[in-house]
Amino acid sequence: MKKILSPLFLGIAAIALFTVSCAKSDDTPVYDAAAQFKTDSVTLKNYVDSKFPDAQYDSGTGIWYEILTEGEGNYQYKIVDTLNAKFLKFKPTVKYTGRLLSGSIFDQTETDKTTTFEILTNTGYYYPFESTIIPAWTFAFAPKQIGDLKLSGLTEKGLQKGAKIHIMAPSRWTYGNRATGKIPANSPLDFVIEVVDLK
């Protein structure tokens, strides 16, 4: 009986020791969104200064942008008021290119093709609720405000049909600290978005 218990006891002791040593060696840093935003801000400022000196800075979001083509029309962005919150609702058809700041393209629409998104964004938190776009895109599309409701959009009327915008956004408004496909965690991103249609 002693011969059977000794290896069993040693095995349990080894597992316990391994578990304790793993717990002590876990030095994974805690994600600090504010610190990352500061880092991204410096990175984006250097990027813009060297490549896009005419870009404008939006201090509310930390997004740099250039209006490449003013849109036409007078599309009215709509607020859907529900029992729990207010949502900005719109459906754009676009062409776009997304790049890392290194210049490599991680996503784009195919030549001569477009893509359509259905957007329902919670206006209280500026973060997509039922949306297929990242928050940076919501800021690009949305007007500064609708009535008394401030939306923190980059332009007064929001993007209109035919508009083309270049945005460079901190990771807070892209994918945060999650790696996504070809995009590493904590990546500021560069997008050119052309609005083909709005509904």
N, C-alpha and C. Protein backbone atom coordinates (compact mmCIF):
# COMPACT_ATOMS: atom_id res chain seq x y z
N MET A 1 0.83 -1.20 0.00
CA MET A 1 0.00 0.00 0.00
C MET A 1 0.86 1.26 0.00
N LYS A 2 1.98 1.22 0.77
CA LYS A 2 2.87 2.37 0.82
C LYS A 2 3.45 2.65 -0.55
N LYS A 3 3.77 1.59 -1.31
CA LYS A 3 4.35 1.78 -2.64
C LYS A 3 3.37 2.46 -3.59
N ILE A 4 2.08 2.21 -3.44
CA ILE A 4 1.08 2.82 -4.31
C ILE A 4 0.86 4.28 -3.92
N LEU A 5 0.80 4.59 -2.64
CA LEU A 5 0.52 5.94 -2.18
C LEU A 5 1.69 6.90 -2.43
N SER A 6 2.91 6.39 -2.34
CA SER A 6 4.06 7.28 -2.51
C SER A 6 4.08 7.95 -3.88
N PRO A 7 3.95 7.20 -5.00
CA PRO A 7 3.91 7.88 -6.30
C PRO A 7 2.70 8.79 -6.45
N LEU A 8 1.54 8.37 -5.91
CA LEU A 8 0.33 9.18 -5.99
C LEU A 8 0.53 10.50 -5.24
N PHE A 9 1.09 10.42 -4.04
CA PHE A 9 1.36 11.61 -3.24
C PHE A 9 2.35 12.53 -3.95
N LEU A 10 3.40 11.94 -4.50
CA LEU A 10 4.40 12.74 -5.23
C LEU A 10 3.78 13.44 -6.43
N GLY A 11 2.88 12.72 -7.13
CA GLY A 11 2.21 13.32 -8.29
C GLY A 11 1.35 14.50 -7.90
N ILE A 12 0.57 14.35 -6.83
CA ILE A 12 -0.30 15.45 -6.34
C ILE A 12 0.55 16.62 -5.89
N ALA A 13 1.64 16.34 -5.19
CA ALA A 13 2.53 17.40 -4.72
C ALA A 13 3.15 18.16 -5.91
N ALA A 14 3.52 17.41 -6.96
CA ALA A 14 4.12 18.05 -8.14
C ALA A 14 3.12 18.96 -8.84
N ILE A 15 1.87 18.50 -8.95
CA ILE A 15 0.82 19.32 -9.58
C ILE A 15 0.58 20.58 -8.77
N ALA A 16 0.51 20.44 -7.45
CA ALA A 16 0.30 21.60 -6.58
C ALA A 16 1.44 22.60 -6.72
N LEU A 17 2.67 22.09 -6.73
CA LEU A 17 3.85 22.95 -6.86
C LEU A 17 3.85 23.68 -8.20
N PHE A 18 3.48 22.95 -9.28
CA PHE A 18 3.41 23.54 -10.62
C PHE A 18 2.36 24.65 -10.67
N THR A 19 1.20 24.39 -10.05
CA THR A 19 0.11 25.38 -10.05
C THR A 19 0.54 26.64 -9.32
N VAL A 20 1.18 26.50 -8.17
CA VAL A 20 1.64 27.65 -7.40
C VAL A 20 2.70 28.42 -8.17
N SER A 21 3.65 27.71 -8.79
CA SER A 21 4.70 28.41 -9.53
C SER A 21 4.15 29.15 -10.73
N CYS A 22 3.13 28.56 -11.40
CA CYS A 22 2.51 29.25 -12.54
C CYS A 22 1.78 30.51 -12.08
N ALA A 23 1.11 30.41 -10.96
CA ALA A 23 0.37 31.56 -10.44
C ALA A 23 1.33 32.70 -10.10
N LYS A 24 2.49 32.37 -9.54
CA LYS A 24 3.45 33.40 -9.15
C LYS A 24 4.15 34.00 -10.35
N SER A 25 4.34 33.22 -11.42
CA SER A 25 5.09 33.73 -12.57
C SER A 25 4.20 34.44 -13.59
N ASP A 26 2.90 34.56 -13.30
CA ASP A 26 2.00 35.23 -14.23
C ASP A 26 2.14 36.75 -14.07
N ASP A 27 3.04 37.33 -14.88
CA ASP A 27 3.29 38.76 -14.82
C ASP A 27 2.62 39.51 -15.96
N THR A 28 1.47 38.99 -16.43
CA THR A 28 0.75 39.61 -17.52
C THR A 28 0.32 41.02 -17.10
N PRO A 29 0.73 42.04 -17.84
CA PRO A 29 0.36 43.40 -17.45
C PRO A 29 -1.14 43.64 -17.64
N VAL A 30 -1.69 44.46 -16.78
CA VAL A 30 -3.09 44.82 -16.89
C VAL A 30 -3.21 45.89 -17.97
N TYR A 31 -4.20 45.75 -18.84
CA TYR A 31 -4.40 46.72 -19.92
C TYR A 31 -4.83 48.06 -19.34
N ASP A 32 -4.12 49.11 -19.69
CA ASP A 32 -4.43 50.46 -19.23
C ASP A 32 -4.85 51.28 -20.45
N ALA A 33 -6.17 51.45 -20.62
CA ALA A 33 -6.70 52.12 -21.80
C ALA A 33 -6.21 53.57 -21.90
N ALA A 34 -6.12 54.27 -20.77
CA ALA A 34 -5.69 55.67 -20.80
C ALA A 34 -4.23 55.78 -21.23
N ALA A 35 -3.38 54.90 -20.71
CA ALA A 35 -1.96 54.92 -21.09
C ALA A 35 -1.80 54.57 -22.56
N GLN A 36 -2.59 53.60 -23.05
CA GLN A 36 -2.51 53.22 -24.45
C GLN A 36 -2.96 54.36 -25.35
N PHE A 37 -3.99 55.08 -24.92
CA PHE A 37 -4.47 56.22 -25.69
C PHE A 37 -3.38 57.29 -25.81
N LYS A 38 -2.65 57.54 -24.73
CA LYS A 38 -1.55 58.51 -24.77
C LYS A 38 -0.46 58.05 -25.75
N THR A 39 -0.13 56.77 -25.69
CA THR A 39 0.88 56.22 -26.60
C THR A 39 0.43 56.36 -28.05
N ASP A 40 -0.83 55.99 -28.29
CA ASP A 40 -1.39 56.10 -29.66
C ASP A 40 -1.39 57.55 -30.14
N SER A 41 -1.69 58.48 -29.24
CA SER A 41 -1.74 59.90 -29.62
C SER A 41 -0.40 60.38 -30.13
N VAL A 42 0.67 59.99 -29.45
CA VAL A 42 2.02 60.38 -29.88
C VAL A 42 2.35 59.71 -31.22
N THR A 43 2.03 58.43 -31.33
CA THR A 43 2.29 57.68 -32.58
C THR A 43 1.55 58.32 -33.75
N LEU A 44 0.28 58.64 -33.54
CA LEU A 44 -0.52 59.24 -34.62
C LEU A 44 -0.02 60.64 -34.98
N LYS A 45 0.35 61.43 -33.98
CA LYS A 45 0.86 62.78 -34.26
C LYS A 45 2.10 62.71 -35.14
N ASN A 46 3.02 61.81 -34.82
CA ASN A 46 4.23 61.65 -35.62
C ASN A 46 3.90 61.16 -37.03
N TYR A 47 2.96 60.23 -37.13
CA TYR A 47 2.53 59.68 -38.42
C TYR A 47 1.93 60.78 -39.30
N VAL A 48 1.02 61.56 -38.71
CA VAL A 48 0.35 62.63 -39.46
C VAL A 48 1.35 63.71 -39.86
N ASP A 49 2.22 64.11 -38.93
CA ASP A 49 3.20 65.16 -39.23
C ASP A 49 4.10 64.78 -40.40
N SER A 50 4.45 63.49 -40.48
CA SER A 50 5.37 63.07 -41.54
C SER A 50 4.69 62.78 -42.87
N LYS A 51 3.39 62.42 -42.83
CA LYS A 51 2.74 62.01 -44.08
C LYS A 51 1.53 62.83 -44.50
N PHE A 52 0.79 63.37 -43.54
CA PHE A 52 -0.46 64.07 -43.85
C PHE A 52 -0.56 65.38 -43.08
N PRO A 53 0.32 66.33 -43.36
CA PRO A 53 0.38 67.57 -42.57
C PRO A 53 -0.88 68.43 -42.64
N ASP A 54 -1.76 68.19 -43.60
CA ASP A 54 -2.99 68.98 -43.71
C ASP A 54 -4.16 68.38 -42.93
N ALA A 55 -3.94 67.25 -42.30
CA ALA A 55 -5.03 66.59 -41.55
C ALA A 55 -5.44 67.44 -40.35
N GLN A 56 -6.71 67.35 -40.02
CA GLN A 56 -7.25 68.06 -38.86
C GLN A 56 -7.34 67.10 -37.67
N TYR A 57 -7.25 67.68 -36.47
CA TYR A 57 -7.31 66.87 -35.26
C TYR A 57 -8.61 67.13 -34.53
N ASP A 58 -9.29 66.06 -34.14
CA ASP A 58 -10.51 66.18 -33.34
C ASP A 58 -10.13 65.86 -31.89
N SER A 59 -10.10 66.89 -31.05
CA SER A 59 -9.64 66.70 -29.67
C SER A 59 -10.58 65.85 -28.83
N GLY A 60 -11.86 65.79 -29.20
CA GLY A 60 -12.80 64.98 -28.43
C GLY A 60 -12.57 63.49 -28.57
N THR A 61 -12.07 63.07 -29.74
CA THR A 61 -11.89 61.63 -29.99
C THR A 61 -10.43 61.23 -30.15
N GLY A 62 -9.57 62.18 -30.50
CA GLY A 62 -8.18 61.84 -30.78
C GLY A 62 -7.99 61.35 -32.21
N ILE A 63 -9.01 61.52 -33.05
CA ILE A 63 -8.95 61.08 -34.45
C ILE A 63 -8.44 62.23 -35.32
N TRP A 64 -7.53 61.90 -36.23
CA TRP A 64 -7.07 62.82 -37.26
C TRP A 64 -7.87 62.52 -38.52
N TYR A 65 -8.21 63.56 -39.29
CA TYR A 65 -9.01 63.31 -40.50
C TYR A 65 -8.78 64.36 -41.57
N GLU A 66 -9.07 63.96 -42.80
CA GLU A 66 -9.04 64.84 -43.97
C GLU A 66 -10.31 64.58 -44.77
N ILE A 67 -11.01 65.62 -45.12
CA ILE A 67 -12.16 65.48 -46.03
C ILE A 67 -11.58 65.56 -47.44
N LEU A 68 -11.55 64.43 -48.13
CA LEU A 68 -10.97 64.38 -49.47
C LEU A 68 -11.97 64.84 -50.52
N THR A 69 -13.26 64.54 -50.30
CA THR A 69 -14.34 64.99 -51.18
C THR A 69 -15.56 65.29 -50.32
N GLU A 70 -16.10 66.49 -50.47
CA GLU A 70 -17.34 66.82 -49.76
C GLU A 70 -18.48 66.04 -50.41
N GLY A 71 -19.36 65.54 -49.68
CA GLY A 71 -20.50 64.83 -50.26
C GLY A 71 -21.56 65.79 -50.75
N GLU A 72 -22.52 65.24 -51.47
CA GLU A 72 -23.65 66.04 -51.94
C GLU A 72 -24.92 65.53 -51.25
N GLY A 73 -25.92 66.35 -51.27
CA GLY A 73 -27.18 65.91 -50.69
C GLY A 73 -27.33 66.40 -49.27
N ASN A 74 -28.46 66.04 -48.68
CA ASN A 74 -28.77 66.48 -47.34
C ASN A 74 -29.36 65.33 -46.55
N TYR A 75 -28.60 64.24 -46.48
CA TYR A 75 -29.06 63.08 -45.74
C TYR A 75 -29.24 63.45 -44.27
N GLN A 76 -30.37 63.07 -43.71
CA GLN A 76 -30.66 63.36 -42.31
C GLN A 76 -30.45 62.10 -41.47
N TYR A 77 -29.41 62.10 -40.66
CA TYR A 77 -29.17 60.97 -39.76
C TYR A 77 -30.30 60.91 -38.75
N LYS A 78 -30.68 59.69 -38.37
CA LYS A 78 -31.85 59.50 -37.51
C LYS A 78 -31.47 58.91 -36.16
N ILE A 79 -32.20 59.35 -35.14
CA ILE A 79 -32.07 58.78 -33.81
C ILE A 79 -33.29 57.91 -33.55
N VAL A 80 -33.04 56.68 -33.13
CA VAL A 80 -34.11 55.77 -32.75
C VAL A 80 -34.15 55.79 -31.23
N ASP A 81 -35.28 56.21 -30.68
CA ASP A 81 -35.42 56.32 -29.23
C ASP A 81 -36.15 55.08 -28.71
N THR A 82 -35.45 54.28 -27.90
CA THR A 82 -36.07 53.08 -27.34
C THR A 82 -36.30 53.30 -25.85
N LEU A 83 -36.83 52.29 -25.21
CA LEU A 83 -37.10 52.38 -23.77
C LEU A 83 -35.82 52.56 -22.97
N ASN A 84 -34.73 51.93 -23.42
CA ASN A 84 -33.49 51.93 -22.65
C ASN A 84 -32.45 52.95 -23.11
N ALA A 85 -32.46 53.33 -24.35
CA ALA A 85 -31.39 54.21 -24.85
C ALA A 85 -31.78 54.82 -26.19
N LYS A 86 -30.91 55.71 -26.66
CA LYS A 86 -31.08 56.31 -27.98
C LYS A 86 -29.98 55.77 -28.87
N PHE A 87 -30.36 55.48 -30.12
CA PHE A 87 -29.41 54.89 -31.05
C PHE A 87 -29.39 55.69 -32.35
N LEU A 88 -28.20 55.84 -32.90
CA LEU A 88 -28.03 56.44 -34.22
C LEU A 88 -28.18 55.31 -35.23
N LYS A 89 -29.08 55.50 -36.20
CA LYS A 89 -29.36 54.43 -37.17
C LYS A 89 -29.14 54.94 -38.59
N PHE A 90 -28.34 54.20 -39.36
CA PHE A 90 -28.13 54.53 -40.77
C PHE A 90 -27.56 53.32 -41.49
N LYS A 91 -27.63 53.36 -42.81
CA LYS A 91 -27.18 52.22 -43.62
C LYS A 91 -26.34 52.74 -44.79
N PRO A 92 -25.01 52.77 -44.62
CA PRO A 92 -24.15 53.26 -45.70
C PRO A 92 -23.70 52.15 -46.65
N THR A 93 -23.51 52.52 -47.89
CA THR A 93 -22.84 51.67 -48.87
C THR A 93 -21.52 52.36 -49.18
N VAL A 94 -20.43 51.63 -49.04
CA VAL A 94 -19.11 52.26 -49.13
C VAL A 94 -18.11 51.47 -49.95
N LYS A 95 -17.03 52.18 -50.29
CA LYS A 95 -15.77 51.58 -50.73
C LYS A 95 -14.75 52.04 -49.69
N TYR A 96 -13.83 51.18 -49.33
CA TYR A 96 -12.86 51.60 -48.31
C TYR A 96 -11.56 50.83 -48.41
N THR A 97 -10.54 51.40 -47.79
CA THR A 97 -9.24 50.73 -47.63
C THR A 97 -8.80 50.96 -46.19
N GLY A 98 -8.38 49.88 -45.52
CA GLY A 98 -7.87 49.99 -44.16
C GLY A 98 -6.41 49.59 -44.13
N ARG A 99 -5.60 50.44 -43.51
CA ARG A 99 -4.15 50.19 -43.44
C ARG A 99 -3.65 50.26 -42.00
N LEU A 100 -2.60 49.52 -41.73
CA LEU A 100 -1.82 49.72 -40.51
C LEU A 100 -0.96 50.95 -40.76
N LEU A 101 -0.42 51.55 -39.72
CA LEU A 101 0.42 52.73 -39.92
C LEU A 101 1.72 52.40 -40.65
N SER A 102 2.05 51.12 -40.71
CA SER A 102 3.22 50.69 -41.49
C SER A 102 2.97 50.81 -42.99
N GLY A 103 1.69 50.98 -43.36
CA GLY A 103 1.31 51.09 -44.77
C GLY A 103 0.68 49.84 -45.33
N SER A 104 0.79 48.71 -44.63
CA SER A 104 0.23 47.47 -45.17
C SER A 104 -1.30 47.47 -45.06
N ILE A 105 -1.94 47.05 -46.14
CA ILE A 105 -3.40 46.99 -46.19
C ILE A 105 -3.87 45.72 -45.48
N PHE A 106 -4.81 45.88 -44.54
CA PHE A 106 -5.35 44.70 -43.86
C PHE A 106 -6.76 44.37 -44.33
N ASP A 107 -7.42 45.35 -44.99
CA ASP A 107 -8.77 45.09 -45.50
C ASP A 107 -9.14 46.17 -46.51
N GLN A 108 -9.92 45.77 -47.52
CA GLN A 108 -10.42 46.75 -48.49
C GLN A 108 -11.54 46.13 -49.31
N THR A 109 -12.36 46.99 -49.89
CA THR A 109 -13.38 46.48 -50.80
C THR A 109 -12.70 46.08 -52.10
N GLU A 110 -13.27 45.10 -52.77
CA GLU A 110 -12.71 44.68 -54.05
C GLU A 110 -12.92 45.77 -55.09
N THR A 111 -12.05 45.80 -56.08
CA THR A 111 -12.15 46.79 -57.15
C THR A 111 -13.54 46.73 -57.78
N ASP A 112 -14.14 47.91 -57.97
CA ASP A 112 -15.47 48.04 -58.59
C ASP A 112 -16.58 47.37 -57.78
N LYS A 113 -16.35 47.11 -56.50
CA LYS A 113 -17.41 46.55 -55.65
C LYS A 113 -17.59 47.44 -54.43
N THR A 114 -18.72 47.31 -53.79
CA THR A 114 -19.01 48.08 -52.58
C THR A 114 -19.44 47.11 -51.49
N THR A 115 -19.56 47.65 -50.29
CA THR A 115 -20.12 46.87 -49.19
C THR A 115 -21.10 47.74 -48.42
N THR A 116 -22.14 47.12 -47.89
CA THR A 116 -23.18 47.86 -47.18
C THR A 116 -23.23 47.39 -45.73
N PHE A 117 -23.34 48.35 -44.81
CA PHE A 117 -23.43 48.06 -43.38
C PHE A 117 -24.77 48.56 -42.85
N GLU A 118 -25.37 47.83 -41.96
CA GLU A 118 -26.54 48.33 -41.24
C GLU A 118 -26.05 48.74 -39.87
N ILE A 119 -26.24 50.00 -39.52
CA ILE A 119 -25.66 50.53 -38.30
C ILE A 119 -26.75 50.90 -37.29
N LEU A 120 -26.58 50.44 -36.09
CA LEU A 120 -27.41 50.86 -34.97
C LEU A 120 -26.44 51.06 -33.81
N THR A 121 -26.11 52.32 -33.53
CA THR A 121 -25.05 52.63 -32.57
C THR A 121 -25.62 53.34 -31.35
N ASN A 122 -25.27 52.84 -30.18
CA ASN A 122 -25.71 53.45 -28.93
C ASN A 122 -25.06 54.82 -28.80
N THR A 123 -25.88 55.88 -28.77
CA THR A 123 -25.34 57.24 -28.73
C THR A 123 -24.86 57.65 -27.35
N GLY A 124 -25.23 56.90 -26.33
CA GLY A 124 -24.81 57.25 -24.98
C GLY A 124 -23.38 56.87 -24.68
N TYR A 125 -22.89 55.84 -25.35
CA TYR A 125 -21.55 55.36 -25.05
C TYR A 125 -20.59 55.47 -26.22
N TYR A 126 -21.07 55.90 -27.37
CA TYR A 126 -20.27 56.03 -28.58
C TYR A 126 -19.57 54.73 -28.93
N TYR A 127 -20.22 53.63 -28.69
CA TYR A 127 -19.62 52.34 -29.02
C TYR A 127 -20.69 51.49 -29.69
N PRO A 128 -20.36 50.84 -30.80
CA PRO A 128 -21.39 50.11 -31.53
C PRO A 128 -22.15 49.13 -30.65
N PHE A 129 -23.45 49.13 -30.80
CA PHE A 129 -24.31 48.22 -30.05
C PHE A 129 -24.63 47.03 -30.93
N GLU A 130 -25.31 47.25 -32.02
CA GLU A 130 -25.55 46.21 -33.01
C GLU A 130 -24.98 46.73 -34.32
N SER A 131 -23.68 46.65 -34.46
CA SER A 131 -23.02 47.30 -35.56
C SER A 131 -21.89 46.46 -36.10
N THR A 132 -21.64 46.59 -37.39
CA THR A 132 -20.52 45.88 -37.98
C THR A 132 -19.35 46.82 -38.23
N ILE A 133 -19.44 48.03 -37.73
CA ILE A 133 -18.32 48.96 -37.90
C ILE A 133 -17.72 49.31 -36.54
N ILE A 134 -16.48 49.73 -36.58
CA ILE A 134 -15.78 50.12 -35.37
C ILE A 134 -16.19 51.55 -34.97
N PRO A 135 -15.97 51.94 -33.72
CA PRO A 135 -16.37 53.28 -33.29
C PRO A 135 -15.78 54.42 -34.12
N ALA A 136 -14.54 54.28 -34.60
CA ALA A 136 -13.93 55.34 -35.41
C ALA A 136 -14.80 55.65 -36.63
N TRP A 137 -15.39 54.62 -37.21
CA TRP A 137 -16.26 54.85 -38.37
C TRP A 137 -17.54 55.58 -37.96
N THR A 138 -18.06 55.28 -36.79
CA THR A 138 -19.25 55.98 -36.32
C THR A 138 -18.96 57.47 -36.19
N PHE A 139 -17.81 57.82 -35.60
CA PHE A 139 -17.44 59.23 -35.49
C PHE A 139 -17.28 59.86 -36.87
N ALA A 140 -16.75 59.12 -37.82
CA ALA A 140 -16.56 59.65 -39.18
C ALA A 140 -17.90 59.93 -39.84
N PHE A 141 -18.85 59.03 -39.70
CA PHE A 141 -20.15 59.19 -40.35
C PHE A 141 -21.06 60.19 -39.65
N ALA A 142 -21.12 60.15 -38.34
CA ALA A 142 -22.12 60.90 -37.57
C ALA A 142 -21.93 62.40 -37.65
N PRO A 143 -23.03 63.16 -37.60
CA PRO A 143 -22.91 64.61 -37.47
C PRO A 143 -22.47 64.95 -36.04
N LYS A 144 -22.07 66.19 -35.83
CA LYS A 144 -21.65 66.60 -34.48
C LYS A 144 -22.80 66.46 -33.48
N GLN A 145 -24.01 66.78 -33.95
CA GLN A 145 -25.16 66.59 -33.08
C GLN A 145 -26.44 66.54 -33.89
N ILE A 146 -27.46 65.96 -33.28
CA ILE A 146 -28.80 65.94 -33.85
C ILE A 146 -29.71 66.55 -32.80
N GLY A 147 -30.27 67.71 -33.12
CA GLY A 147 -31.06 68.44 -32.13
C GLY A 147 -30.18 68.79 -30.94
N ASP A 148 -30.62 68.43 -29.74
CA ASP A 148 -29.83 68.70 -28.53
C ASP A 148 -28.88 67.57 -28.19
N LEU A 149 -28.94 66.48 -28.94
CA LEU A 149 -28.12 65.31 -28.63
C LEU A 149 -26.75 65.42 -29.30
N LYS A 150 -25.70 65.53 -28.52
CA LYS A 150 -24.34 65.62 -29.06
C LYS A 150 -23.83 64.22 -29.37
N LEU A 151 -23.33 64.06 -30.59
CA LEU A 151 -22.85 62.76 -31.05
C LEU A 151 -21.34 62.70 -31.23
N SER A 152 -20.68 63.85 -31.18
CA SER A 152 -19.22 63.93 -31.34
C SER A 152 -18.74 63.47 -32.70
N GLY A 153 -19.56 63.62 -33.73
CA GLY A 153 -19.11 63.33 -35.08
C GLY A 153 -18.03 64.31 -35.51
N LEU A 154 -17.31 63.97 -36.55
CA LEU A 154 -16.20 64.81 -37.00
C LEU A 154 -16.65 66.02 -37.82
N THR A 155 -17.83 65.92 -38.45
CA THR A 155 -18.31 67.01 -39.31
C THR A 155 -19.70 67.47 -38.87
N GLU A 156 -20.09 68.66 -39.30
CA GLU A 156 -21.37 69.24 -38.88
C GLU A 156 -22.57 68.41 -39.32
N LYS A 157 -22.64 68.05 -40.60
CA LYS A 157 -23.80 67.33 -41.14
C LYS A 157 -23.61 65.82 -41.17
N GLY A 158 -22.42 65.34 -40.86
CA GLY A 158 -22.13 63.93 -41.04
C GLY A 158 -21.78 63.68 -42.50
N LEU A 159 -21.22 62.53 -42.79
CA LEU A 159 -20.86 62.23 -44.17
C LEU A 159 -22.10 62.12 -45.03
N GLN A 160 -22.00 62.65 -46.24
CA GLN A 160 -23.09 62.62 -47.20
C GLN A 160 -22.71 61.73 -48.38
N LYS A 161 -23.69 61.40 -49.19
CA LYS A 161 -23.45 60.59 -50.38
C LYS A 161 -22.38 61.25 -51.25
N GLY A 162 -21.39 60.47 -51.67
CA GLY A 162 -20.31 60.99 -52.50
C GLY A 162 -19.11 61.50 -51.71
N ALA A 163 -19.24 61.55 -50.39
CA ALA A 163 -18.13 62.03 -49.56
C ALA A 163 -17.01 61.00 -49.52
N LYS A 164 -15.81 61.51 -49.34
CA LYS A 164 -14.65 60.64 -49.18
C LYS A 164 -13.83 61.23 -48.03
N ILE A 165 -13.54 60.40 -47.03
CA ILE A 165 -12.84 60.86 -45.84
C ILE A 165 -11.66 59.95 -45.54
N HIS A 166 -10.61 60.55 -45.04
CA HIS A 166 -9.42 59.81 -44.61
C HIS A 166 -9.35 59.99 -43.09
N ILE A 167 -9.42 58.89 -42.33
CA ILE A 167 -9.33 59.00 -40.87
C ILE A 167 -8.15 58.16 -40.35
N MET A 168 -7.53 58.67 -39.31
CA MET A 168 -6.45 57.96 -38.63
C MET A 168 -6.81 57.95 -37.16
N ALA A 169 -7.12 56.76 -36.64
CA ALA A 169 -7.74 56.65 -35.32
C ALA A 169 -6.91 55.86 -34.32
N PRO A 170 -6.94 56.28 -33.05
CA PRO A 170 -6.26 55.52 -32.01
C PRO A 170 -6.95 54.17 -31.78
N SER A 171 -6.23 53.24 -31.21
CA SER A 171 -6.76 51.88 -31.03
C SER A 171 -8.00 51.85 -30.15
N ARG A 172 -8.18 52.86 -29.30
CA ARG A 172 -9.39 52.93 -28.47
C ARG A 172 -10.64 52.87 -29.33
N TRP A 173 -10.58 53.46 -30.53
CA TRP A 173 -11.75 53.52 -31.41
C TRP A 173 -11.65 52.53 -32.58
N THR A 174 -10.67 51.63 -32.53
CA THR A 174 -10.57 50.61 -33.58
C THR A 174 -10.87 49.24 -32.95
N TYR A 175 -9.83 48.47 -32.62
CA TYR A 175 -10.06 47.15 -32.03
C TYR A 175 -9.47 47.01 -30.63
N GLY A 176 -9.04 48.14 -30.04
CA GLY A 176 -8.53 48.11 -28.68
C GLY A 176 -7.35 47.17 -28.51
N ASN A 177 -7.36 46.43 -27.43
CA ASN A 177 -6.23 45.54 -27.14
C ASN A 177 -6.46 44.12 -27.64
N ARG A 178 -7.35 43.96 -28.63
CA ARG A 178 -7.59 42.65 -29.24
C ARG A 178 -6.89 42.58 -30.60
N ALA A 179 -6.17 41.52 -30.82
CA ALA A 179 -5.63 41.27 -32.16
C ALA A 179 -6.79 40.75 -33.01
N THR A 180 -6.91 41.26 -34.23
CA THR A 180 -8.01 40.87 -35.11
C THR A 180 -7.46 40.64 -36.51
N GLY A 181 -7.45 39.38 -36.95
CA GLY A 181 -6.93 39.08 -38.29
C GLY A 181 -5.50 39.56 -38.43
N LYS A 182 -5.26 40.45 -39.40
CA LYS A 182 -3.90 40.97 -39.65
C LYS A 182 -3.57 42.19 -38.77
N ILE A 183 -4.49 42.55 -37.89
CA ILE A 183 -4.31 43.74 -37.07
C ILE A 183 -3.81 43.34 -35.68
N PRO A 184 -2.59 43.75 -35.31
CA PRO A 184 -2.10 43.45 -33.96
C PRO A 184 -2.90 44.23 -32.90
N ALA A 185 -2.87 43.75 -31.67
CA ALA A 185 -3.52 44.46 -30.56
C ALA A 185 -2.92 45.86 -30.44
N ASN A 186 -3.73 46.80 -29.96
CA ASN A 186 -3.28 48.18 -29.69
C ASN A 186 -2.77 48.89 -30.94
N SER A 187 -3.47 48.70 -32.06
CA SER A 187 -3.03 49.30 -33.32
C SER A 187 -3.87 50.51 -33.71
N PRO A 188 -3.28 51.71 -33.79
CA PRO A 188 -3.97 52.81 -34.44
C PRO A 188 -4.11 52.45 -35.92
N LEU A 189 -5.20 52.87 -36.55
CA LEU A 189 -5.44 52.47 -37.94
C LEU A 189 -5.73 53.67 -38.83
N ASP A 190 -5.53 53.45 -40.13
CA ASP A 190 -5.68 54.46 -41.16
C ASP A 190 -6.72 53.96 -42.17
N PHE A 191 -7.78 54.73 -42.37
CA PHE A 191 -8.84 54.33 -43.31
C PHE A 191 -9.13 55.44 -44.31
N VAL A 192 -9.42 55.06 -45.54
CA VAL A 192 -10.03 55.96 -46.51
C VAL A 192 -11.40 55.35 -46.82
N ILE A 193 -12.45 56.14 -46.61
CA ILE A 193 -13.83 55.67 -46.79
C ILE A 193 -14.53 56.55 -47.80
N GLU A 194 -15.11 55.93 -48.81
CA GLU A 194 -15.91 56.66 -49.81
C GLU A 194 -17.36 56.24 -49.67
N VAL A 195 -18.24 57.21 -49.49
CA VAL A 195 -19.67 56.92 -49.29
C VAL A 195 -20.35 56.88 -50.66
N VAL A 196 -20.77 55.70 -51.06
CA VAL A 196 -21.44 55.52 -52.35
C VAL A 196 -22.92 55.82 -52.21
N ASP A 197 -23.51 55.44 -51.07
CA ASP A 197 -24.94 55.67 -50.85
C ASP A 197 -25.22 55.67 -49.34
N LEU A 198 -26.36 56.28 -48.98
CA LEU A 198 -26.81 56.31 -47.59
C LEU A 198 -28.30 56.10 -47.53
N LYS A 199 -28.74 55.27 -46.61
CA LYS A 199 -30.19 55.06 -46.44
C LYS A 199 -30.52 55.08 -44.97
